[in-house]
Amino acid sequence: MANLKEIRGRITSISSTMQITRAMKMVSAAKLKKAQDAIVMLRPYSEKLQEIIQNVNSSSDPDQVSVYAQKREVKRILFIAVTSNRGLAGAFNSSIVKELNIQFQNNSQYEIEVLTIGKKAYDAVRRNRAVYANASAVYDNLNFDAVSNSTEAVMNSFREGKFDEVYIIYNKFINAATQEVTKEQLLPIVMPETTEPQLETDYIFEPNKNEILDNLIPKSIKTQVFKAVLDSVASEHGARMTAMHKATDNAQALKNDLVIFYNKARQAAITNEILEIVSGAEALKNS
């Protein structure tokens, strides 16, 4: 059984750990508000952009398909895995790696490469998978341009035929306690199907429809990736805040158990000392 000094040391160590987990929870809570506002503001823009593309595409010439919408025989697939650069966020990163491994198994007949956004994804796949690129540096100064550069490289590779399909896997932010692992097809783009009848309208396009699509589609793809990264950032802070809250509660419970154990051990030691003193006094008295 541990002595009193060792128990006191463990209690002190747990108290120090609790201070760290509380601080990390507060930092993540502060960052979560900013990240949540960013993704909430971007989602309507991204959805409206998709709606515009759908409306323009529905009235355009079906024989003239954008290069980013051309479907071809699938031989090579690129997965974009979005994780974080840091850990201590519960199952936030491991859930992406798990989903990535499932996709590897389901698509084992194809050539697969991975674009990693986040060091955790890069560390998980670099030893046994072909890494197309490591874009973890986007988190150093996260903005649309930084993500756009990596997306532009992927679009060029698709246009040149290096990949036949491109998917992105990320944690979609639901709320501070819930993140949903999401897989979306990035390329070739898939226009959402609607069962609602389309109203026949006569628009005047300036410039022409195809030129509008040629400008909107690349911007929509870049926005989709940027939205996924922002979703992941918000999810990361939410997952870390939840993980640190649970860690603090567990540390408090462990500390309480150790304090009770320490008090019992201390009381037993005092009782033993009293018994030794009384026994010594009785021995002297009878001698």
C-alpha atoms as a PDB file:
ATOM      1  CA  MET A   1       0.000   0.000   0.000  1.00  0.00           C
ATOM      2  CA  ALA A   2       1.291   3.498  -0.866  1.00  0.00           C
ATOM      3  CA  ASN A   3       2.510   5.577   2.045  1.00  0.00           C
ATOM      4  CA  LEU A   4       1.080   8.967   2.972  1.00  0.00           C
ATOM      5  CA  LYS A   5       3.811  10.917   1.149  1.00  0.00           C
ATOM      6  CA  GLU A   6       3.120   9.106  -2.124  1.00  0.00           C
ATOM      7  CA  ILE A   7      -0.620   9.724  -1.792  1.00  0.00           C
ATOM      8  CA  ARG A   8      -0.039  13.434  -1.130  1.00  0.00           C
ATOM      9  CA  GLY A   9       2.141  13.565  -4.251  1.00  0.00           C
ATOM     10  CA  ARG A  10      -0.572  11.959  -6.361  1.00  0.00           C
ATOM     11  CA  ILE A  11      -3.191  14.405  -5.049  1.00  0.00           C
ATOM     12  CA  THR A  12      -0.918  17.354  -5.885  1.00  0.00           C
ATOM     13  CA  SER A  13      -0.265  15.946  -9.366  1.00  0.00           C
ATOM     14  CA  ILE A  14      -3.973  15.482 -10.076  1.00  0.00           C
ATOM     15  CA  SER A  15      -4.705  19.024  -8.862  1.00  0.00           C
ATOM     16  CA  SER A  16      -2.112  20.382 -11.307  1.00  0.00           C
ATOM     17  CA  THR A  17      -3.641  18.333 -14.126  1.00  0.00           C
ATOM     18  CA  MET A  18      -7.083  19.707 -13.298  1.00  0.00           C
ATOM     19  CA  GLN A  19      -5.783  23.261 -13.623  1.00  0.00           C
ATOM     20  CA  ILE A  20      -4.459  22.437 -17.104  1.00  0.00           C
ATOM     21  CA  THR A  21      -7.667  20.747 -18.276  1.00  0.00           C
ATOM     22  CA  ARG A  22      -9.793  23.620 -16.948  1.00  0.00           C
ATOM     23  CA  ALA A  23      -7.606  26.143 -18.779  1.00  0.00           C
ATOM     24  CA  MET A  24      -7.774  24.155 -22.024  1.00  0.00           C
ATOM     25  CA  LYS A  25     -11.550  23.913 -21.727  1.00  0.00           C
ATOM     26  CA  MET A  26     -11.854  27.700 -21.301  1.00  0.00           C
ATOM     27  CA  VAL A  27      -9.533  28.379 -24.249  1.00  0.00           C
ATOM     28  CA  SER A  28     -11.487  26.007 -26.500  1.00  0.00           C
ATOM     29  CA  ALA A  29     -14.787  27.535 -25.392  1.00  0.00           C
ATOM     30  CA  ALA A  30     -13.536  31.003 -26.342  1.00  0.00           C
ATOM     31  CA  LYS A  31     -12.243  29.819 -29.724  1.00  0.00           C
ATOM     32  CA  LEU A  32     -15.407  27.818 -30.390  1.00  0.00           C
ATOM     33  CA  LYS A  33     -17.590  30.935 -30.448  1.00  0.00           C
ATOM     34  CA  LYS A  34     -15.463  32.529 -33.171  1.00  0.00           C
ATOM     35  CA  ALA A  35     -15.229  29.320 -35.213  1.00  0.00           C
ATOM     36  CA  GLN A  36     -18.956  28.679 -34.876  1.00  0.00           C
ATOM     37  CA  ASP A  37     -19.799  32.184 -36.101  1.00  0.00           C
ATOM     38  CA  ALA A  38     -17.506  31.689 -39.128  1.00  0.00           C
ATOM     39  CA  ILE A  39     -19.122  28.439 -40.268  1.00  0.00           C
ATOM     40  CA  VAL A  40     -22.665  29.661 -39.596  1.00  0.00           C
ATOM     41  CA  MET A  41     -22.034  32.707 -41.807  1.00  0.00           C
ATOM     42  CA  LEU A  42     -20.424  30.682 -44.623  1.00  0.00           C
ATOM     43  CA  ARG A  43     -23.048  27.949 -44.929  1.00  0.00           C
ATOM     44  CA  PRO A  44     -25.834  30.151 -46.438  1.00  0.00           C
ATOM     45  CA  TYR A  45     -23.349  31.549 -48.983  1.00  0.00           C
ATOM     46  CA  SER A  46     -22.231  28.062 -50.003  1.00  0.00           C
ATOM     47  CA  GLU A  47     -25.807  26.813 -50.296  1.00  0.00           C
ATOM     48  CA  LYS A  48     -26.866  29.830 -52.365  1.00  0.00           C
ATOM     49  CA  LEU A  49     -23.886  29.343 -54.667  1.00  0.00           C
ATOM     50  CA  GLN A  50     -24.955  25.743 -55.253  1.00  0.00           C
ATOM     51  CA  GLU A  51     -28.496  26.916 -55.968  1.00  0.00           C
ATOM     52  CA  ILE A  52     -27.294  29.436 -58.563  1.00  0.00           C
ATOM     53  CA  ILE A  53     -25.175  26.778 -60.291  1.00  0.00           C
ATOM     54  CA  GLN A  54     -28.145  24.429 -60.334  1.00  0.00           C
ATOM     55  CA  ASN A  55     -30.451  27.071 -61.856  1.00  0.00           C
ATOM     56  CA  VAL A  56     -27.963  28.091 -64.529  1.00  0.00           C
ATOM     57  CA  ASN A  57     -27.029  24.499 -65.311  1.00  0.00           C
ATOM     58  CA  SER A  58     -30.674  23.443 -65.716  1.00  0.00           C
ATOM     59  CA  SER A  59     -31.137  25.939 -68.540  1.00  0.00           C
ATOM     60  CA  SER A  60     -27.770  25.422 -70.235  1.00  0.00           C
ATOM     61  CA  ASP A  61     -26.915  23.214 -73.196  1.00  0.00           C
ATOM     62  CA  PRO A  62     -26.726  19.574 -71.961  1.00  0.00           C
ATOM     63  CA  ASP A  63     -24.065  18.772 -74.573  1.00  0.00           C
ATOM     64  CA  GLN A  64     -21.646  21.308 -73.110  1.00  0.00           C
ATOM     65  CA  VAL A  65     -20.659  19.832 -69.740  1.00  0.00           C
ATOM     66  CA  SER A  66     -18.094  21.489 -67.511  1.00  0.00           C
ATOM     67  CA  VAL A  67     -14.748  19.704 -67.254  1.00  0.00           C
ATOM     68  CA  TYR A  68     -15.339  19.473 -63.499  1.00  0.00           C
ATOM     69  CA  ALA A  69     -18.632  17.615 -64.054  1.00  0.00           C
ATOM     70  CA  GLN A  70     -17.371  15.054 -66.557  1.00  0.00           C
ATOM     71  CA  LYS A  71     -17.744  11.486 -65.323  1.00  0.00           C
ATOM     72  CA  ARG A  72     -15.220   8.904 -66.457  1.00  0.00           C
ATOM     73  CA  GLU A  73     -14.187   5.369 -65.622  1.00  0.00           C
ATOM     74  CA  VAL A  74     -12.910   5.292 -62.067  1.00  0.00           C
ATOM     75  CA  LYS A  75      -9.333   4.105 -61.676  1.00  0.00           C
ATOM     76  CA  ARG A  76      -7.725   6.632 -59.338  1.00  0.00           C
ATOM     77  CA  ILE A  77      -9.362   8.265 -56.297  1.00  0.00           C
ATOM     78  CA  LEU A  78      -8.165  11.109 -54.098  1.00  0.00           C
ATOM     79  CA  PHE A  79      -9.409  11.478 -50.533  1.00  0.00           C
ATOM     80  CA  ILE A  80      -9.019  14.794 -48.731  1.00  0.00           C
ATOM     81  CA  ALA A  81      -8.840  14.028 -45.004  1.00  0.00           C
ATOM     82  CA  VAL A  82      -9.409  16.991 -42.688  1.00  0.00           C
ATOM     83  CA  THR A  83      -8.190  16.637 -39.110  1.00  0.00           C
ATOM     84  CA  SER A  84      -6.371  18.947 -36.686  1.00  0.00           C
ATOM     85  CA  ASN A  85      -2.718  19.578 -35.928  1.00  0.00           C
ATOM     86  CA  ARG A  86      -3.204  18.873 -32.225  1.00  0.00           C
ATOM     87  CA  GLY A  87      -4.687  16.106 -30.125  1.00  0.00           C
ATOM     88  CA  LEU A  88      -6.490  16.011 -26.767  1.00  0.00           C
ATOM     89  CA  ALA A  89      -9.843  16.296 -28.558  1.00  0.00           C
ATOM     90  CA  GLY A  90     -11.444  12.960 -27.764  1.00  0.00           C
ATOM     91  CA  ALA A  91     -12.389  10.917 -30.833  1.00  0.00           C
ATOM     92  CA  PHE A  92     -12.263  13.930 -33.156  1.00  0.00           C
ATOM     93  CA  ASN A  93      -9.184  12.835 -35.124  1.00  0.00           C
ATOM     94  CA  SER A  94      -9.506   9.071 -34.705  1.00  0.00           C
ATOM     95  CA  SER A  95     -13.014   9.103 -36.202  1.00  0.00           C
ATOM     96  CA  ILE A  96     -11.649  10.615 -39.441  1.00  0.00           C
ATOM     97  CA  VAL A  97      -8.820   8.065 -39.587  1.00  0.00           C
ATOM     98  CA  LYS A  98     -11.333   5.270 -38.962  1.00  0.00           C
ATOM     99  CA  GLU A  99     -13.591   6.480 -41.786  1.00  0.00           C
ATOM    100  CA  LEU A 100     -10.552   6.805 -44.054  1.00  0.00           C
ATOM    101  CA  ASN A 101      -9.573   3.185 -43.366  1.00  0.00           C
ATOM    102  CA  ILE A 102     -13.120   2.080 -44.193  1.00  0.00           C
ATOM    103  CA  GLN A 103     -12.888   3.901 -47.531  1.00  0.00           C
ATOM    104  CA  PHE A 104      -9.538   2.226 -48.224  1.00  0.00           C
ATOM    105  CA  GLN A 105     -11.155  -1.179 -47.711  1.00  0.00           C
ATOM    106  CA  ASN A 106     -14.254  -0.381 -49.768  1.00  0.00           C
ATOM    107  CA  ASN A 107     -12.190   1.000 -52.676  1.00  0.00           C
ATOM    108  CA  SER A 108      -9.220  -1.359 -52.553  1.00  0.00           C
ATOM    109  CA  GLN A 109      -9.569  -2.098 -56.278  1.00  0.00           C
ATOM    110  CA  TYR A 110      -8.624   1.495 -57.151  1.00  0.00           C
ATOM    111  CA  GLU A 111      -5.428   3.494 -56.855  1.00  0.00           C
ATOM    112  CA  ILE A 112      -5.854   5.763 -53.835  1.00  0.00           C
ATOM    113  CA  GLU A 113      -3.968   8.829 -52.695  1.00  0.00           C
ATOM    114  CA  VAL A 114      -4.654  11.123 -49.753  1.00  0.00           C
ATOM    115  CA  LEU A 115      -4.409  14.879 -49.360  1.00  0.00           C
ATOM    116  CA  THR A 116      -4.032  15.514 -45.643  1.00  0.00           C
ATOM    117  CA  ILE A 117      -5.158  18.727 -43.997  1.00  0.00           C
ATOM    118  CA  GLY A 118      -3.946  18.340 -40.429  1.00  0.00           C
ATOM    119  CA  LYS A 119      -0.880  16.641 -38.946  1.00  0.00           C
ATOM    120  CA  LYS A 120      -2.934  13.914 -37.288  1.00  0.00           C
ATOM    121  CA  ALA A 121      -4.200  12.648 -40.646  1.00  0.00           C
ATOM    122  CA  TYR A 122      -0.710  12.897 -42.148  1.00  0.00           C
ATOM    123  CA  ASP A 123       0.853  10.901 -39.302  1.00  0.00           C
ATOM    124  CA  ALA A 124      -1.838   8.229 -39.653  1.00  0.00           C
ATOM    125  CA  VAL A 125      -1.468   7.586 -43.404  1.00  0.00           C
ATOM    126  CA  ARG A 126       2.079   8.526 -44.375  1.00  0.00           C
ATOM    127  CA  ARG A 127       3.601   5.153 -43.480  1.00  0.00           C
ATOM    128  CA  ASN A 128       1.314   2.883 -45.484  1.00  0.00           C
ATOM    129  CA  ARG A 129      -0.520   5.102 -47.998  1.00  0.00           C
ATOM    130  CA  ALA A 130       0.443   7.349 -50.900  1.00  0.00           C
ATOM    131  CA  VAL A 131       0.230  10.958 -49.710  1.00  0.00           C
ATOM    132  CA  TYR A 132      -0.661  13.346 -52.526  1.00  0.00           C
ATOM    133  CA  ALA A 133       0.261  16.384 -50.413  1.00  0.00           C
ATOM    134  CA  ASN A 134       0.336  17.566 -46.818  1.00  0.00           C
ATOM    135  CA  ALA A 135      -1.580  20.834 -46.438  1.00  0.00           C
ATOM    136  CA  SER A 136      -1.380  21.049 -42.636  1.00  0.00           C
ATOM    137  CA  ALA A 137       0.212  24.502 -42.931  1.00  0.00           C
ATOM    138  CA  VAL A 138      -3.181  26.048 -43.790  1.00  0.00           C
ATOM    139  CA  TYR A 139      -3.903  26.170 -40.052  1.00  0.00           C
ATOM    140  CA  ASP A 140      -0.954  28.529 -39.496  1.00  0.00           C
ATOM    141  CA  ASN A 141      -2.962  31.321 -41.114  1.00  0.00           C
ATOM    142  CA  LEU A 142      -6.390  29.944 -41.915  1.00  0.00           C
ATOM    143  CA  ASN A 143      -8.136  31.899 -44.656  1.00  0.00           C
ATOM    144  CA  PHE A 144      -9.858  31.284 -47.968  1.00  0.00           C
ATOM    145  CA  ASP A 145      -6.723  31.904 -50.039  1.00  0.00           C
ATOM    146  CA  ALA A 146      -4.663  29.350 -48.106  1.00  0.00           C
ATOM    147  CA  VAL A 147      -7.273  26.616 -48.630  1.00  0.00           C
ATOM    148  CA  SER A 148      -7.893  27.775 -52.205  1.00  0.00           C
ATOM    149  CA  ASN A 149      -4.284  27.110 -53.231  1.00  0.00           C
ATOM    150  CA  SER A 150      -4.476  23.460 -52.186  1.00  0.00           C
ATOM    151  CA  THR A 151      -7.898  23.084 -53.801  1.00  0.00           C
ATOM    152  CA  GLU A 152      -6.617  24.611 -57.034  1.00  0.00           C
ATOM    153  CA  ALA A 153      -3.882  21.957 -57.207  1.00  0.00           C
ATOM    154  CA  VAL A 154      -6.478  19.206 -56.754  1.00  0.00           C
ATOM    155  CA  MET A 155      -8.694  20.700 -59.468  1.00  0.00           C
ATOM    156  CA  ASN A 156      -5.761  20.862 -61.876  1.00  0.00           C
ATOM    157  CA  SER A 157      -4.915  17.215 -61.167  1.00  0.00           C
ATOM    158  CA  PHE A 158      -8.513  16.206 -61.842  1.00  0.00           C
ATOM    159  CA  ARG A 159      -8.602  18.240 -65.045  1.00  0.00           C
ATOM    160  CA  GLU A 160      -5.379  16.573 -66.215  1.00  0.00           C
ATOM    161  CA  GLY A 161      -6.821  13.116 -65.529  1.00  0.00           C
ATOM    162  CA  LYS A 162      -4.605  12.197 -62.576  1.00  0.00           C
ATOM    163  CA  PHE A 163      -7.732  11.441 -60.522  1.00  0.00           C
ATOM    164  CA  ASP A 164     -11.163  10.285 -61.617  1.00  0.00           C
ATOM    165  CA  GLU A 165     -12.954  11.058 -58.351  1.00  0.00           C
ATOM    166  CA  VAL A 166     -12.202  13.290 -55.389  1.00  0.00           C
ATOM    167  CA  TYR A 167     -13.854  13.000 -51.973  1.00  0.00           C
ATOM    168  CA  ILE A 168     -13.470  15.041 -48.812  1.00  0.00           C
ATOM    169  CA  ILE A 169     -13.869  13.567 -45.315  1.00  0.00           C
ATOM    170  CA  TYR A 170     -14.323  15.883 -42.340  1.00  0.00           C
ATOM    171  CA  ASN A 171     -16.197  16.407 -39.080  1.00  0.00           C
ATOM    172  CA  LYS A 172     -19.353  18.429 -39.641  1.00  0.00           C
ATOM    173  CA  PHE A 173     -20.160  20.746 -36.753  1.00  0.00           C
ATOM    174  CA  ILE A 174     -23.595  20.104 -35.240  1.00  0.00           C
ATOM    175  CA  ASN A 175     -23.132  21.610 -31.782  1.00  0.00           C
ATOM    176  CA  ALA A 176     -20.454  21.832 -29.120  1.00  0.00           C
ATOM    177  CA  ALA A 177     -21.024  18.233 -28.041  1.00  0.00           C
ATOM    178  CA  THR A 178     -21.798  16.631 -31.403  1.00  0.00           C
ATOM    179  CA  GLN A 179     -19.697  16.282 -34.552  1.00  0.00           C
ATOM    180  CA  GLU A 180     -20.752  14.177 -37.528  1.00  0.00           C
ATOM    181  CA  VAL A 181     -18.200  12.434 -39.750  1.00  0.00           C
ATOM    182  CA  THR A 182     -19.137  13.454 -43.289  1.00  0.00           C
ATOM    183  CA  LYS A 183     -17.960  12.267 -46.699  1.00  0.00           C
ATOM    184  CA  GLU A 184     -18.756  14.456 -49.704  1.00  0.00           C
ATOM    185  CA  GLN A 185     -17.979  13.991 -53.368  1.00  0.00           C
ATOM    186  CA  LEU A 186     -15.972  16.972 -54.517  1.00  0.00           C
ATOM    187  CA  LEU A 187     -15.199  15.994 -58.111  1.00  0.00           C
ATOM    188  CA  PRO A 188     -16.806  15.395 -60.483  1.00  0.00           C
ATOM    189  CA  ILE A 189     -19.425  17.753 -59.150  1.00  0.00           C
ATOM    190  CA  VAL A 190     -22.882  16.327 -58.629  1.00  0.00           C
ATOM    191  CA  MET A 191     -25.798  18.628 -59.201  1.00  0.00           C
ATOM    192  CA  PRO A 192     -28.514  18.155 -56.576  1.00  0.00           C
ATOM    193  CA  GLU A 193     -31.597  16.464 -57.951  1.00  0.00           C
ATOM    194  CA  THR A 194     -34.953  18.123 -57.362  1.00  0.00           C
ATOM    195  CA  THR A 195     -38.419  16.643 -57.823  1.00  0.00           C
ATOM    196  CA  GLU A 196     -40.046  20.058 -57.893  1.00  0.00           C
ATOM    197  CA  PRO A 197     -41.124  21.259 -61.338  1.00  0.00           C
ATOM    198  CA  GLN A 198     -38.840  23.904 -62.799  1.00  0.00           C
ATOM    199  CA  LEU A 199     -40.469  27.165 -63.782  1.00  0.00           C
ATOM    200  CA  GLU A 200     -39.770  28.200 -67.319  1.00  0.00           C
ATOM    201  CA  THR A 201     -38.113  31.584 -67.132  1.00  0.00           C
ATOM    202  CA  ASP A 202     -36.412  33.646 -69.767  1.00  0.00           C
ATOM    203  CA  TYR A 203     -33.171  35.154 -68.425  1.00  0.00           C
ATOM    204  CA  ILE A 204     -30.689  37.342 -70.181  1.00  0.00           C
ATOM    205  CA  PHE A 205     -27.205  36.108 -69.279  1.00  0.00           C
ATOM    206  CA  GLU A 206     -24.183  38.346 -69.378  1.00  0.00           C
ATOM    207  CA  PRO A 207     -21.750  36.759 -70.049  1.00  0.00           C
ATOM    208  CA  ASN A 208     -23.177  33.534 -71.525  1.00  0.00           C
ATOM    209  CA  LYS A 209     -24.294  30.570 -69.419  1.00  0.00           C
ATOM    210  CA  ASN A 210     -21.239  28.419 -70.027  1.00  0.00           C
ATOM    211  CA  GLU A 211     -18.867  31.205 -69.060  1.00  0.00           C
ATOM    212  CA  ILE A 212     -20.839  31.813 -65.876  1.00  0.00           C
ATOM    213  CA  LEU A 213     -20.599  28.117 -64.983  1.00  0.00           C
ATOM    214  CA  ASP A 214     -16.877  28.061 -65.783  1.00  0.00           C
ATOM    215  CA  ASN A 215     -16.387  30.799 -63.186  1.00  0.00           C
ATOM    216  CA  LEU A 216     -18.911  29.672 -60.583  1.00  0.00           C
ATOM    217  CA  ILE A 217     -18.056  25.959 -60.424  1.00  0.00           C
ATOM    218  CA  PRO A 218     -14.362  26.382 -59.430  1.00  0.00           C
ATOM    219  CA  LYS A 219     -15.387  28.978 -56.862  1.00  0.00           C
ATOM    220  CA  SER A 220     -18.055  26.641 -55.522  1.00  0.00           C
ATOM    221  CA  ILE A 221     -15.535  23.776 -55.173  1.00  0.00           C
ATOM    222  CA  LYS A 222     -13.088  26.010 -53.308  1.00  0.00           C
ATOM    223  CA  THR A 223     -15.889  27.258 -51.061  1.00  0.00           C
ATOM    224  CA  GLN A 224     -16.965  23.682 -50.343  1.00  0.00           C
ATOM    225  CA  VAL A 225     -13.461  22.741 -49.180  1.00  0.00           C
ATOM    226  CA  PHE A 226     -13.130  25.946 -47.132  1.00  0.00           C
ATOM    227  CA  LYS A 227     -16.490  25.219 -45.511  1.00  0.00           C
ATOM    228  CA  ALA A 228     -15.326  21.705 -44.636  1.00  0.00           C
ATOM    229  CA  VAL A 229     -12.156  23.084 -43.013  1.00  0.00           C
ATOM    230  CA  LEU A 230     -14.161  25.642 -41.002  1.00  0.00           C
ATOM    231  CA  ASP A 231     -16.593  22.899 -39.979  1.00  0.00           C
ATOM    232  CA  SER A 232     -13.619  20.847 -38.823  1.00  0.00           C
ATOM    233  CA  VAL A 233     -12.131  23.749 -36.838  1.00  0.00           C
ATOM    234  CA  ALA A 234     -15.412  24.377 -35.021  1.00  0.00           C
ATOM    235  CA  SER A 235     -15.811  20.650 -34.389  1.00  0.00           C
ATOM    236  CA  GLU A 236     -12.261  20.448 -33.033  1.00  0.00           C
ATOM    237  CA  HIS A 237     -12.847  23.154 -30.439  1.00  0.00           C
ATOM    238  CA  GLY A 238     -16.195  21.636 -29.480  1.00  0.00           C
ATOM    239  CA  ALA A 239     -14.665  18.159 -29.125  1.00  0.00           C
ATOM    240  CA  ARG A 240     -11.703  19.462 -27.123  1.00  0.00           C
ATOM    241  CA  MET A 241     -13.951  21.496 -24.828  1.00  0.00           C
ATOM    242  CA  THR A 242     -16.097  18.418 -24.170  1.00  0.00           C
ATOM    243  CA  ALA A 243     -13.039  16.175 -23.695  1.00  0.00           C
ATOM    244  CA  MET A 244     -11.404  18.592 -21.254  1.00  0.00           C
ATOM    245  CA  HIS A 245     -14.669  18.967 -19.329  1.00  0.00           C
ATOM    246  CA  LYS A 246     -14.882  15.178 -18.917  1.00  0.00           C
ATOM    247  CA  ALA A 247     -11.187  14.989 -18.034  1.00  0.00           C
ATOM    248  CA  THR A 248     -11.663  17.596 -15.326  1.00  0.00           C
ATOM    249  CA  ASP A 249     -14.651  15.725 -13.881  1.00  0.00           C
ATOM    250  CA  ASN A 250     -12.742  12.429 -13.902  1.00  0.00           C
ATOM    251  CA  ALA A 251      -9.730  14.051 -12.255  1.00  0.00           C
ATOM    252  CA  GLN A 252     -11.977  15.555  -9.579  1.00  0.00           C
ATOM    253  CA  ALA A 253     -13.543  12.158  -8.878  1.00  0.00           C
ATOM    254  CA  LEU A 254     -10.115  10.529  -8.668  1.00  0.00           C
ATOM    255  CA  LYS A 255      -8.880  13.288  -6.368  1.00  0.00           C
ATOM    256  CA  ASN A 256     -11.885  12.852  -4.073  1.00  0.00           C
ATOM    257  CA  ASP A 257     -11.214   9.101  -3.828  1.00  0.00           C
ATOM    258  CA  LEU A 258      -7.545   9.724  -3.036  1.00  0.00           C
ATOM    259  CA  VAL A 259      -8.418  12.305  -0.363  1.00  0.00           C
ATOM    260  CA  ILE A 260     -10.745   9.810   1.337  1.00  0.00           C
ATOM    261  CA  PHE A 261      -8.090   7.097   1.078  1.00  0.00           C
ATOM    262  CA  TYR A 262      -5.456   9.504   2.426  1.00  0.00           C
ATOM    263  CA  ASN A 263      -7.625  10.470   5.410  1.00  0.00           C
ATOM    264  CA  LYS A 264      -8.306   6.814   6.236  1.00  0.00           C
ATOM    265  CA  ALA A 265      -4.607   5.936   5.959  1.00  0.00           C
ATOM    266  CA  ARG A 266      -3.667   8.952   8.080  1.00  0.00           C
ATOM    267  CA  GLN A 267      -6.246   8.055  10.705  1.00  0.00           C
ATOM    268  CA  ALA A 268      -4.961   4.460  10.766  1.00  0.00           C
ATOM    269  CA  ALA A 269      -1.387   5.695  11.201  1.00  0.00           C
ATOM    270  CA  ILE A 270      -2.419   7.965  14.082  1.00  0.00           C
ATOM    271  CA  THR A 271      -4.326   5.092  15.708  1.00  0.00           C
ATOM    272  CA  ASN A 272      -1.285   2.821  15.403  1.00  0.00           C
ATOM    273  CA  GLU A 273       0.938   5.480  16.985  1.00  0.00           C
ATOM    274  CA  ILE A 274      -1.473   5.901  19.893  1.00  0.00           C
ATOM    275  CA  LEU A 275      -1.581   2.138  20.421  1.00  0.00           C
ATOM    276  CA  GLU A 276       2.212   1.999  20.427  1.00  0.00           C
ATOM    277  CA  ILE A 277       2.403   4.806  22.991  1.00  0.00           C
ATOM    278  CA  VAL A 278      -0.208   3.200  25.232  1.00  0.00           C
ATOM    279  CA  SER A 279       1.462  -0.206  24.945  1.00  0.00           C
ATOM    280  CA  GLY A 280       4.831   1.338  25.797  1.00  0.00           C
ATOM    281  CA  ALA A 281       3.381   3.126  28.808  1.00  0.00           C
ATOM    282  CA  GLU A 282       1.762  -0.094  30.051  1.00  0.00           C
ATOM    283  CA  ALA A 283       5.009  -1.950  29.614  1.00  0.00           C
ATOM    284  CA  LEU A 284       6.914   0.632  31.655  1.00  0.00           C
ATOM    285  CA  LYS A 285       4.193   0.618  34.306  1.00  0.00           C
ATOM    286  CA  ASN A 286       4.350  -3.173  34.724  1.00  0.00           C
ATOM    287  CA  SER A 287       8.153  -3.347  34.726  1.00  0.00           C
END
